[in-house]
Structures are given as structure tokens and as C-alpha cells.
Amino acid sequence: MLRLFQILITNLRIKQNFDIYITISIGISVGVLAAFGKLTDDKVLAATLVTLNLIAILFLGTRRMIAHLLESPVSAENFFQKSLPGNLDVILLGAKESICITGMSLKRTVVTYSSVFQEQLKRGCNVKILLIKPEGHGIQLGGERISQVINKTRHQEYVKDTVKTLEWIANQTNGPGRLELKFLDYVPPFGLFLIDHNRYAGQIYVEIYNWRMEVGSIPVFILTPSKDRQWFSFFCEQFETLWANAESYKFGAD
């Protein structure tokens, strides 16, 4: 009750929802007066009709507001995020079947979530990683994309460090889950984190790669099959196409 009173006071201060409160007041007043016999039947009927008309006007206004919101374009400020969620480790640990990640070198990502990958592999979750090939045409462009341009050799080292970390995870983990790594010989147009993308409760995080901008300026958006069926399917297909045309890496081959 106290909570409702606080909402009422707040709305009155900011002059919001006056029409609703007037309608409620009229309805309550008519009911109380009629109950004590202070109003004739004609007056009760007239007041009831006025109240119903006010309710109809409120519903009409609400419908118009909803229609306006549906017709209005979604603001990019609300659609894009400035980074991946801070609780991504929790989200990855929630995967039931698969985790698929596409990126440039993913050096920091693989190190940060190495324990998550190990835990999920033990549970039977499959992990797929897609990187730029360390000896290929895309490695040079990948280094030039970063704000502080790094040379080809250094970018190769980043990718090789990631491979070493994944090798360590593969050697340390005994479980039903499968860890797979493939290479692209070009720069992917976006980064992807797909969590259970073959399940209805799946999620996809898409990173739009920039060109020589500071870290943190990469726009990120989230897709789910329930809300974004068309584009969720699009990025699922994009990953599967990238994966099918990538070069496989065999752990423990060296």
C-alpha cells in the first residue's frame, strides 16, 4: 500500500497520469455515494456513462501510444552496446550444448575464459573457435585494423599464443565435450559469440569490427531466436558458412 502511495505522489509531482487518477476518483466517488443512497439512479447511470467514456478514451490513447512505438524506428542507442556483457563468463557457463566464437586472434578472450571452456568441455559442451590463419593473407590486414597498428609478425604471435592456450586446454581437459579450432585466411567482417545457437534459448553476440579506433568503441548487439528470428538465423548461417570453409587444426599434431 505504501508503495502505491509513493507512486501516486511521484506521478502527481511530475504531472503524469492525471487522467487515470481522475477516472479512478470519479468511479470511487460514485460508488460510495450510491452505496449511501446519496445519488438517484439517474445520476448514478449518468456518472457511470461518464466514467466508461473516460476509460474508453484512456484505452484509445494507450493504443495510439503502442502503435506509435511499434511504428517508430528503434534507437541505435538502445540497440547497440559498447562492449560484451560483463557477466559473459556466467552466460558461457550456462551453455548446454555449444559455444562458438569467431574473432581475430582472441588472445585475451581465450585466456580470460579458459577455465570456463575447461568446465564446459567436462560437462559435454562443444567449443568451436575460429581465428585468422597465422600464416596467410588475412594476418596483415588484421593487424592494420587495430588503432595502434601492429606488424604482421606480432599479430602472428598473438594468434600462436591463442593456439598454445587452446592446446593446453585440450591436453588438460578430459571430458565428453569436443574442442575444435579452425583458421580463416581473411579478416572476418564481425566477431561472433554463439551460445547454444541450435536451441530455442540460444543467444548470439555480434561485434561489428571497426577500423583503427580505440578499444571499447566496438558496437555490440544481441540476438535471440524468440525476438530476432530472421537475423538470428542469418548469423547462425554466417557462422556455419565460415566454419565450413575454414581450415581445420589438429591439436597435438606438432
C-alpha atoms as a PDB file:
ATOM      1  CA  MET A   1       0.000   0.000   0.000  1.00  0.00           C
ATOM      2  CA  LEU A   2       2.859   2.342   0.908  1.00  0.00           C
ATOM      3  CA  ARG A   3       4.481   1.579  -2.439  1.00  0.00           C
ATOM      4  CA  LEU A   4       1.284   2.540  -4.310  1.00  0.00           C
ATOM      5  CA  PHE A   5       1.066   5.781  -2.325  1.00  0.00           C
ATOM      6  CA  GLN A   6       4.693   6.620  -3.219  1.00  0.00           C
ATOM      7  CA  ILE A   7       3.950   6.038  -6.920  1.00  0.00           C
ATOM      8  CA  LEU A   8       0.877   8.298  -6.657  1.00  0.00           C
ATOM      9  CA  ILE A   9       2.885  11.126  -5.065  1.00  0.00           C
ATOM     10  CA  THR A  10       5.633  10.785  -7.681  1.00  0.00           C
ATOM     11  CA  ASN A  11       3.169  10.893 -10.567  1.00  0.00           C
ATOM     12  CA  LEU A  12       1.440  13.956  -9.135  1.00  0.00           C
ATOM     13  CA  ARG A  13       4.760  15.757  -8.759  1.00  0.00           C
ATOM     14  CA  ILE A  14       5.744  15.174 -12.353  1.00  0.00           C
ATOM     15  CA  LYS A  15       2.185  15.735 -13.565  1.00  0.00           C
ATOM     16  CA  GLN A  16       1.805  12.272 -15.018  1.00  0.00           C
ATOM     17  CA  ASN A  17      -1.273  10.013 -15.364  1.00  0.00           C
ATOM     18  CA  PHE A  18      -3.735  12.707 -14.224  1.00  0.00           C
ATOM     19  CA  ASP A  19      -6.439  11.259 -16.480  1.00  0.00           C
ATOM     20  CA  ILE A  20      -6.175   7.860 -14.829  1.00  0.00           C
ATOM     21  CA  TYR A  21      -6.449   9.278 -11.322  1.00  0.00           C
ATOM     22  CA  ILE A  22      -9.444  11.442 -12.279  1.00  0.00           C
ATOM     23  CA  THR A  23     -11.239   8.409 -13.720  1.00  0.00           C
ATOM     24  CA  ILE A  24     -10.496   6.333 -10.612  1.00  0.00           C
ATOM     25  CA  SER A  25     -11.651   9.173  -8.348  1.00  0.00           C
ATOM     26  CA  ILE A  26     -14.945   9.550 -10.196  1.00  0.00           C
ATOM     27  CA  GLY A  27     -15.574   5.818 -10.120  1.00  0.00           C
ATOM     28  CA  ILE A  28     -14.858   5.556  -6.382  1.00  0.00           C
ATOM     29  CA  SER A  29     -16.911   8.655  -5.556  1.00  0.00           C
ATOM     30  CA  VAL A  30     -19.946   7.440  -7.498  1.00  0.00           C
ATOM     31  CA  GLY A  31     -19.717   4.023  -5.868  1.00  0.00           C
ATOM     32  CA  VAL A  32     -19.504   5.432  -2.340  1.00  0.00           C
ATOM     33  CA  LEU A  33     -22.312   7.971  -2.848  1.00  0.00           C
ATOM     34  CA  ALA A  34     -24.555   5.357  -4.446  1.00  0.00           C
ATOM     35  CA  ALA A  35     -23.890   2.935  -1.600  1.00  0.00           C
ATOM     36  CA  PHE A  36     -25.066   5.501   0.968  1.00  0.00           C
ATOM     37  CA  GLY A  37     -28.095   6.484  -1.093  1.00  0.00           C
ATOM     38  CA  LYS A  38     -26.832   9.969  -1.870  1.00  0.00           C
ATOM     39  CA  LEU A  39     -27.397   9.642  -5.628  1.00  0.00           C
ATOM     40  CA  THR A  40     -30.532   8.848  -7.594  1.00  0.00           C
ATOM     41  CA  ASP A  41     -30.485   6.027 -10.124  1.00  0.00           C
ATOM     42  CA  ASP A  42     -30.423   8.542 -12.994  1.00  0.00           C
ATOM     43  CA  LYS A  43     -27.383  10.306 -11.582  1.00  0.00           C
ATOM     44  CA  VAL A  44     -25.595   7.009 -10.959  1.00  0.00           C
ATOM     45  CA  LEU A  45     -26.287   5.964 -14.554  1.00  0.00           C
ATOM     46  CA  ALA A  46     -25.043   9.300 -15.910  1.00  0.00           C
ATOM     47  CA  ALA A  47     -21.881   9.172 -13.784  1.00  0.00           C
ATOM     48  CA  THR A  48     -21.275   5.576 -14.839  1.00  0.00           C
ATOM     49  CA  LEU A  49     -21.524   6.534 -18.507  1.00  0.00           C
ATOM     50  CA  VAL A  50     -19.071   9.407 -17.966  1.00  0.00           C
ATOM     51  CA  THR A  51     -16.630   7.009 -16.257  1.00  0.00           C
ATOM     52  CA  LEU A  52     -16.947   4.455 -19.067  1.00  0.00           C
ATOM     53  CA  ASN A  53     -16.318   7.176 -21.640  1.00  0.00           C
ATOM     54  CA  LEU A  54     -13.162   8.237 -19.794  1.00  0.00           C
ATOM     55  CA  ILE A  55     -11.977   4.624 -19.691  1.00  0.00           C
ATOM     56  CA  ALA A  56     -12.617   4.278 -23.436  1.00  0.00           C
ATOM     57  CA  ILE A  57     -10.600   7.460 -24.080  1.00  0.00           C
ATOM     58  CA  LEU A  58      -7.744   6.090 -21.943  1.00  0.00           C
ATOM     59  CA  PHE A  59      -7.717   2.820 -23.905  1.00  0.00           C
ATOM     60  CA  LEU A  60      -7.725   4.738 -27.190  1.00  0.00           C
ATOM     61  CA  GLY A  61      -4.776   6.844 -26.053  1.00  0.00           C
ATOM     62  CA  THR A  62      -2.872   3.747 -24.943  1.00  0.00           C
ATOM     63  CA  ARG A  63      -3.469   2.051 -28.281  1.00  0.00           C
ATOM     64  CA  ARG A  64      -2.188   5.101 -30.130  1.00  0.00           C
ATOM     65  CA  MET A  65       0.942   5.182 -27.961  1.00  0.00           C
ATOM     66  CA  ILE A  66       1.613   1.494 -28.607  1.00  0.00           C
ATOM     67  CA  ALA A  67       1.059   1.931 -32.354  1.00  0.00           C
ATOM     68  CA  HIS A  68       3.440   4.903 -32.347  1.00  0.00           C
ATOM     69  CA  LEU A  69       6.118   2.890 -30.544  1.00  0.00           C
ATOM     70  CA  LEU A  70       5.738  -0.015 -32.949  1.00  0.00           C
ATOM     71  CA  GLU A  71       5.986   2.259 -35.982  1.00  0.00           C
ATOM     72  CA  SER A  72       8.931   4.280 -34.657  1.00  0.00           C
ATOM     73  CA  PRO A  73      12.411   3.106 -35.634  1.00  0.00           C
ATOM     74  CA  VAL A  74      14.461   1.532 -32.836  1.00  0.00           C
ATOM     75  CA  SER A  75      17.074   3.920 -31.492  1.00  0.00           C
ATOM     76  CA  ALA A  76      20.649   2.787 -32.125  1.00  0.00           C
ATOM     77  CA  GLU A  77      21.454   3.947 -28.584  1.00  0.00           C
ATOM     78  CA  ASN A  78      19.123   1.251 -27.269  1.00  0.00           C
ATOM     79  CA  PHE A  79      20.076  -1.411 -29.811  1.00  0.00           C
ATOM     80  CA  PHE A  80      23.879  -1.306 -29.654  1.00  0.00           C
ATOM     81  CA  GLN A  81      26.034  -1.869 -26.617  1.00  0.00           C
ATOM     82  CA  LYS A  82      29.578  -0.558 -26.188  1.00  0.00           C
ATOM     83  CA  SER A  83      31.047  -3.900 -25.144  1.00  0.00           C
ATOM     84  CA  LEU A  84      30.248  -7.508 -24.443  1.00  0.00           C
ATOM     85  CA  PRO A  85      28.347  -8.090 -21.174  1.00  0.00           C
ATOM     86  CA  GLY A  86      30.428  -8.052 -18.016  1.00  0.00           C
ATOM     87  CA  ASN A  87      28.955 -11.392 -16.937  1.00  0.00           C
ATOM     88  CA  LEU A  88      29.875 -13.180 -20.157  1.00  0.00           C
ATOM     89  CA  ASP A  89      31.586 -15.915 -18.131  1.00  0.00           C
ATOM     90  CA  VAL A  90      28.265 -16.702 -16.426  1.00  0.00           C
ATOM     91  CA  ILE A  91      26.489 -16.685 -19.799  1.00  0.00           C
ATOM     92  CA  LEU A  92      29.063 -19.064 -21.294  1.00  0.00           C
ATOM     93  CA  LEU A  93      28.790 -21.363 -18.275  1.00  0.00           C
ATOM     94  CA  GLY A  94      25.045 -21.500 -18.909  1.00  0.00           C
ATOM     95  CA  ALA A  95      25.503 -23.093 -22.345  1.00  0.00           C
ATOM     96  CA  LYS A  96      24.026 -26.587 -22.598  1.00  0.00           C
ATOM     97  CA  GLU A  97      25.334 -27.812 -25.966  1.00  0.00           C
ATOM     98  CA  SER A  98      27.739 -25.479 -27.729  1.00  0.00           C
ATOM     99  CA  ILE A  99      29.895 -22.368 -27.595  1.00  0.00           C
ATOM    100  CA  CYS A 100      31.128 -20.983 -30.918  1.00  0.00           C
ATOM    101  CA  ILE A 101      33.440 -17.969 -31.154  1.00  0.00           C
ATOM    102  CA  THR A 102      34.780 -16.121 -34.190  1.00  0.00           C
ATOM    103  CA  GLY A 103      37.472 -13.460 -33.905  1.00  0.00           C
ATOM    104  CA  MET A 104      40.816 -12.046 -34.998  1.00  0.00           C
ATOM    105  CA  SER A 105      43.329 -13.516 -32.562  1.00  0.00           C
ATOM    106  CA  LEU A 106      41.086 -13.933 -29.471  1.00  0.00           C
ATOM    107  CA  LYS A 107      44.223 -13.913 -27.315  1.00  0.00           C
ATOM    108  CA  ARG A 108      42.614 -12.151 -24.368  1.00  0.00           C
ATOM    109  CA  THR A 109      39.279 -13.934 -24.786  1.00  0.00           C
ATOM    110  CA  VAL A 110      40.716 -17.444 -24.701  1.00  0.00           C
ATOM    111  CA  VAL A 111      42.914 -16.692 -21.680  1.00  0.00           C
ATOM    112  CA  THR A 112      40.080 -14.967 -19.797  1.00  0.00           C
ATOM    113  CA  TYR A 113      37.590 -17.787 -20.319  1.00  0.00           C
ATOM    114  CA  SER A 114      39.977 -20.753 -20.344  1.00  0.00           C
ATOM    115  CA  SER A 115      38.555 -22.120 -17.073  1.00  0.00           C
ATOM    116  CA  VAL A 116      35.031 -21.721 -18.454  1.00  0.00           C
ATOM    117  CA  PHE A 117      35.958 -23.702 -21.569  1.00  0.00           C
ATOM    118  CA  GLN A 118      37.502 -26.444 -19.436  1.00  0.00           C
ATOM    119  CA  GLU A 119      34.434 -26.697 -17.232  1.00  0.00           C
ATOM    120  CA  GLN A 120      32.065 -26.785 -20.181  1.00  0.00           C
ATOM    121  CA  LEU A 121      34.101 -29.411 -22.026  1.00  0.00           C
ATOM    122  CA  LYS A 122      33.929 -31.606 -18.918  1.00  0.00           C
ATOM    123  CA  ARG A 123      30.152 -31.191 -18.908  1.00  0.00           C
ATOM    124  CA  GLY A 124      29.903 -32.292 -22.538  1.00  0.00           C
ATOM    125  CA  CYS A 125      29.512 -28.874 -24.166  1.00  0.00           C
ATOM    126  CA  ASN A 126      31.282 -28.496 -27.519  1.00  0.00           C
ATOM    127  CA  VAL A 127      33.531 -25.472 -28.093  1.00  0.00           C
ATOM    128  CA  LYS A 128      34.412 -24.171 -31.575  1.00  0.00           C
ATOM    129  CA  ILE A 129      36.989 -21.416 -32.121  1.00  0.00           C
ATOM    130  CA  LEU A 130      37.549 -19.644 -35.452  1.00  0.00           C
ATOM    131  CA  LEU A 131      40.654 -17.447 -35.925  1.00  0.00           C
ATOM    132  CA  ILE A 132      42.706 -15.784 -38.648  1.00  0.00           C
ATOM    133  CA  LYS A 133      45.334 -18.142 -40.014  1.00  0.00           C
ATOM    134  CA  PRO A 134      48.772 -17.152 -38.625  1.00  0.00           C
ATOM    135  CA  GLU A 135      50.467 -17.797 -41.953  1.00  0.00           C
ATOM    136  CA  GLY A 136      48.062 -16.388 -44.502  1.00  0.00           C
ATOM    137  CA  HIS A 137      46.849 -13.321 -46.380  1.00  0.00           C
ATOM    138  CA  GLY A 138      44.472 -12.061 -43.676  1.00  0.00           C
ATOM    139  CA  ILE A 139      47.011 -11.748 -40.865  1.00  0.00           C
ATOM    140  CA  GLN A 140      48.483  -8.466 -42.172  1.00  0.00           C
ATOM    141  CA  LEU A 141      45.094  -6.778 -42.568  1.00  0.00           C
ATOM    142  CA  GLY A 142      44.081  -7.988 -39.134  1.00  0.00           C
ATOM    143  CA  GLY A 143      46.998  -6.139 -37.575  1.00  0.00           C
ATOM    144  CA  GLU A 144      46.345  -2.946 -39.540  1.00  0.00           C
ATOM    145  CA  ARG A 145      42.744  -2.798 -38.327  1.00  0.00           C
ATOM    146  CA  ILE A 146      43.771  -2.036 -34.732  1.00  0.00           C
ATOM    147  CA  SER A 147      44.147   1.591 -33.590  1.00  0.00           C
ATOM    148  CA  GLN A 148      47.796   1.047 -32.670  1.00  0.00           C
ATOM    149  CA  VAL A 149      48.809  -0.780 -35.813  1.00  0.00           C
ATOM    150  CA  ILE A 150      50.800  -3.948 -35.131  1.00  0.00           C
ATOM    151  CA  ASN A 151      53.007  -5.623 -37.709  1.00  0.00           C
ATOM    152  CA  LYS A 152      52.388  -8.995 -39.228  1.00  0.00           C
ATOM    153  CA  THR A 153      54.926 -10.786 -37.040  1.00  0.00           C
ATOM    154  CA  ARG A 154      53.412  -9.523 -33.814  1.00  0.00           C
ATOM    155  CA  HIS A 155      49.896 -10.396 -34.890  1.00  0.00           C
ATOM    156  CA  GLN A 156      51.089 -13.860 -35.800  1.00  0.00           C
ATOM    157  CA  GLU A 157      52.464 -14.189 -32.280  1.00  0.00           C
ATOM    158  CA  TYR A 158      49.066 -13.243 -30.846  1.00  0.00           C
ATOM    159  CA  VAL A 159      47.350 -15.978 -32.836  1.00  0.00           C
ATOM    160  CA  LYS A 160      50.046 -18.530 -31.994  1.00  0.00           C
ATOM    161  CA  ASP A 161      49.702 -17.682 -28.290  1.00  0.00           C
ATOM    162  CA  THR A 162      45.977 -18.373 -28.581  1.00  0.00           C
ATOM    163  CA  VAL A 163      46.683 -21.701 -30.248  1.00  0.00           C
ATOM    164  CA  LYS A 164      49.083 -22.624 -27.424  1.00  0.00           C
ATOM    165  CA  THR A 165      46.441 -21.808 -24.825  1.00  0.00           C
ATOM    166  CA  LEU A 166      43.875 -23.904 -26.675  1.00  0.00           C
ATOM    167  CA  GLU A 167      46.418 -26.739 -26.924  1.00  0.00           C
ATOM    168  CA  TRP A 168      46.871 -26.555 -23.160  1.00  0.00           C
ATOM    169  CA  ILE A 169      43.095 -26.628 -22.592  1.00  0.00           C
ATOM    170  CA  ALA A 170      42.756 -29.633 -24.909  1.00  0.00           C
ATOM    171  CA  ASN A 171      45.543 -31.507 -23.078  1.00  0.00           C
ATOM    172  CA  GLN A 172      44.256 -30.652 -19.598  1.00  0.00           C
ATOM    173  CA  THR A 173      40.616 -31.496 -20.203  1.00  0.00           C
ATOM    174  CA  ASN A 174      39.197 -34.994 -20.251  1.00  0.00           C
ATOM    175  CA  GLY A 175      35.503 -34.896 -20.930  1.00  0.00           C
ATOM    176  CA  PRO A 176      32.803 -35.711 -23.433  1.00  0.00           C
ATOM    177  CA  GLY A 177      32.866 -32.190 -24.883  1.00  0.00           C
ATOM    178  CA  ARG A 178      34.849 -31.517 -28.037  1.00  0.00           C
ATOM    179  CA  LEU A 179      37.230 -28.586 -28.579  1.00  0.00           C
ATOM    180  CA  GLU A 180      37.724 -27.609 -32.240  1.00  0.00           C
ATOM    181  CA  LEU A 181      39.845 -24.917 -33.872  1.00  0.00           C
ATOM    182  CA  LYS A 182      39.775 -23.668 -37.449  1.00  0.00           C
ATOM    183  CA  PHE A 183      41.517 -20.892 -39.372  1.00  0.00           C
ATOM    184  CA  LEU A 184      40.293 -18.273 -41.837  1.00  0.00           C
ATOM    185  CA  ASP A 185      42.653 -16.884 -44.465  1.00  0.00           C
ATOM    186  CA  TYR A 186      40.926 -13.486 -44.399  1.00  0.00           C
ATOM    187  CA  VAL A 187      39.599 -10.963 -41.895  1.00  0.00           C
ATOM    188  CA  PRO A 188      36.055 -11.840 -40.768  1.00  0.00           C
ATOM    189  CA  PRO A 189      33.571  -8.931 -41.059  1.00  0.00           C
ATOM    190  CA  PHE A 190      32.460  -9.337 -37.445  1.00  0.00           C
ATOM    191  CA  GLY A 191      33.160 -11.186 -34.242  1.00  0.00           C
ATOM    192  CA  LEU A 192      30.643 -13.745 -33.004  1.00  0.00           C
ATOM    193  CA  PHE A 193      29.796 -15.424 -29.732  1.00  0.00           C
ATOM    194  CA  LEU A 194      27.147 -18.072 -30.314  1.00  0.00           C
ATOM    195  CA  ILE A 195      25.755 -19.794 -27.225  1.00  0.00           C
ATOM    196  CA  ASP A 196      23.521 -22.808 -27.914  1.00  0.00           C
ATOM    197  CA  HIS A 197      22.578 -21.375 -31.311  1.00  0.00           C
ATOM    198  CA  ASN A 198      20.731 -24.585 -32.217  1.00  0.00           C
ATOM    199  CA  ARG A 199      18.428 -24.273 -29.198  1.00  0.00           C
ATOM    200  CA  TYR A 200      15.410 -22.020 -28.721  1.00  0.00           C
ATOM    201  CA  ALA A 201      17.072 -20.415 -25.688  1.00  0.00           C
ATOM    202  CA  GLY A 202      20.220 -19.607 -27.695  1.00  0.00           C
ATOM    203  CA  GLN A 203      21.972 -16.249 -27.877  1.00  0.00           C
ATOM    204  CA  ILE A 204      24.302 -14.557 -30.338  1.00  0.00           C
ATOM    205  CA  TYR A 205      26.566 -11.609 -29.535  1.00  0.00           C
ATOM    206  CA  VAL A 206      27.773  -9.802 -32.639  1.00  0.00           C
ATOM    207  CA  GLU A 207      30.765  -7.435 -32.571  1.00  0.00           C
ATOM    208  CA  ILE A 208      30.994  -5.022 -35.515  1.00  0.00           C
ATOM    209  CA  TYR A 209      34.693  -4.584 -36.228  1.00  0.00           C
ATOM    210  CA  ASN A 210      35.963  -1.034 -36.576  1.00  0.00           C
ATOM    211  CA  TRP A 211      38.979   0.454 -38.344  1.00  0.00           C
ATOM    212  CA  ARG A 212      41.738   1.926 -36.188  1.00  0.00           C
ATOM    213  CA  MET A 213      39.563   3.105 -33.329  1.00  0.00           C
ATOM    214  CA  GLU A 214      40.227   2.887 -29.602  1.00  0.00           C
ATOM    215  CA  VAL A 215      39.341  -0.236 -27.642  1.00  0.00           C
ATOM    216  CA  GLY A 216      35.793  -0.080 -26.298  1.00  0.00           C
ATOM    217  CA  SER A 217      34.332   1.627 -29.346  1.00  0.00           C
ATOM    218  CA  ILE A 218      33.214  -1.618 -30.984  1.00  0.00           C
ATOM    219  CA  PRO A 219      29.410  -1.762 -31.252  1.00  0.00           C
ATOM    220  CA  VAL A 220      27.864  -4.984 -29.979  1.00  0.00           C
ATOM    221  CA  PHE A 221      24.316  -6.270 -30.344  1.00  0.00           C
ATOM    222  CA  ILE A 222      22.491  -9.314 -29.016  1.00  0.00           C
ATOM    223  CA  LEU A 223      20.158 -11.635 -30.921  1.00  0.00           C
ATOM    224  CA  THR A 224      17.779 -14.315 -29.669  1.00  0.00           C
ATOM    225  CA  PRO A 225      15.607 -16.674 -31.732  1.00  0.00           C
ATOM    226  CA  SER A 226      12.417 -15.614 -29.961  1.00  0.00           C
ATOM    227  CA  LYS A 227      12.807 -11.878 -30.692  1.00  0.00           C
ATOM    228  CA  ASP A 228      15.070 -11.781 -33.756  1.00  0.00           C
ATOM    229  CA  ARG A 229      14.254 -14.931 -35.683  1.00  0.00           C
ATOM    230  CA  GLN A 230      15.327 -13.706 -39.132  1.00  0.00           C
ATOM    231  CA  TRP A 231      18.649 -12.148 -38.096  1.00  0.00           C
ATOM    232  CA  PHE A 232      19.401 -14.860 -35.550  1.00  0.00           C
ATOM    233  CA  SER A 233      19.132 -17.383 -38.382  1.00  0.00           C
ATOM    234  CA  PHE A 234      21.229 -15.136 -40.630  1.00  0.00           C
ATOM    235  CA  PHE A 235      24.188 -15.018 -38.239  1.00  0.00           C
ATOM    236  CA  CYS A 236      23.849 -18.730 -37.439  1.00  0.00           C
ATOM    237  CA  GLU A 237      24.156 -19.423 -41.149  1.00  0.00           C
ATOM    238  CA  GLN A 238      27.059 -16.998 -41.425  1.00  0.00           C
ATOM    239  CA  PHE A 239      28.995 -18.854 -38.758  1.00  0.00           C
ATOM    240  CA  GLU A 240      28.230 -22.242 -40.269  1.00  0.00           C
ATOM    241  CA  THR A 241      29.392 -20.989 -43.681  1.00  0.00           C
ATOM    242  CA  LEU A 242      32.612 -19.553 -42.240  1.00  0.00           C
ATOM    243  CA  TRP A 243      33.229 -22.778 -40.345  1.00  0.00           C
ATOM    244  CA  ALA A 244      32.582 -24.996 -43.368  1.00  0.00           C
ATOM    245  CA  ASN A 245      35.074 -23.021 -45.468  1.00  0.00           C
ATOM    246  CA  ALA A 246      37.805 -22.757 -42.819  1.00  0.00           C
ATOM    247  CA  GLU A 247      40.969 -24.815 -42.420  1.00  0.00           C
ATOM    248  CA  SER A 248      40.934 -27.374 -39.606  1.00  0.00           C
ATOM    249  CA  TYR A 249      43.632 -27.528 -36.958  1.00  0.00           C
ATOM    250  CA  LYS A 250      44.559 -30.780 -35.214  1.00  0.00           C
ATOM    251  CA  PHE A 251      45.564 -30.493 -31.587  1.00  0.00           C
ATOM    252  CA  GLY A 252      48.746 -32.349 -30.634  1.00  0.00           C
ATOM    253  CA  ALA A 253      49.909 -32.596 -34.246  1.00  0.00           C
ATOM    254  CA  ASP A 254      53.249 -30.834 -33.567  1.00  0.00           C
END
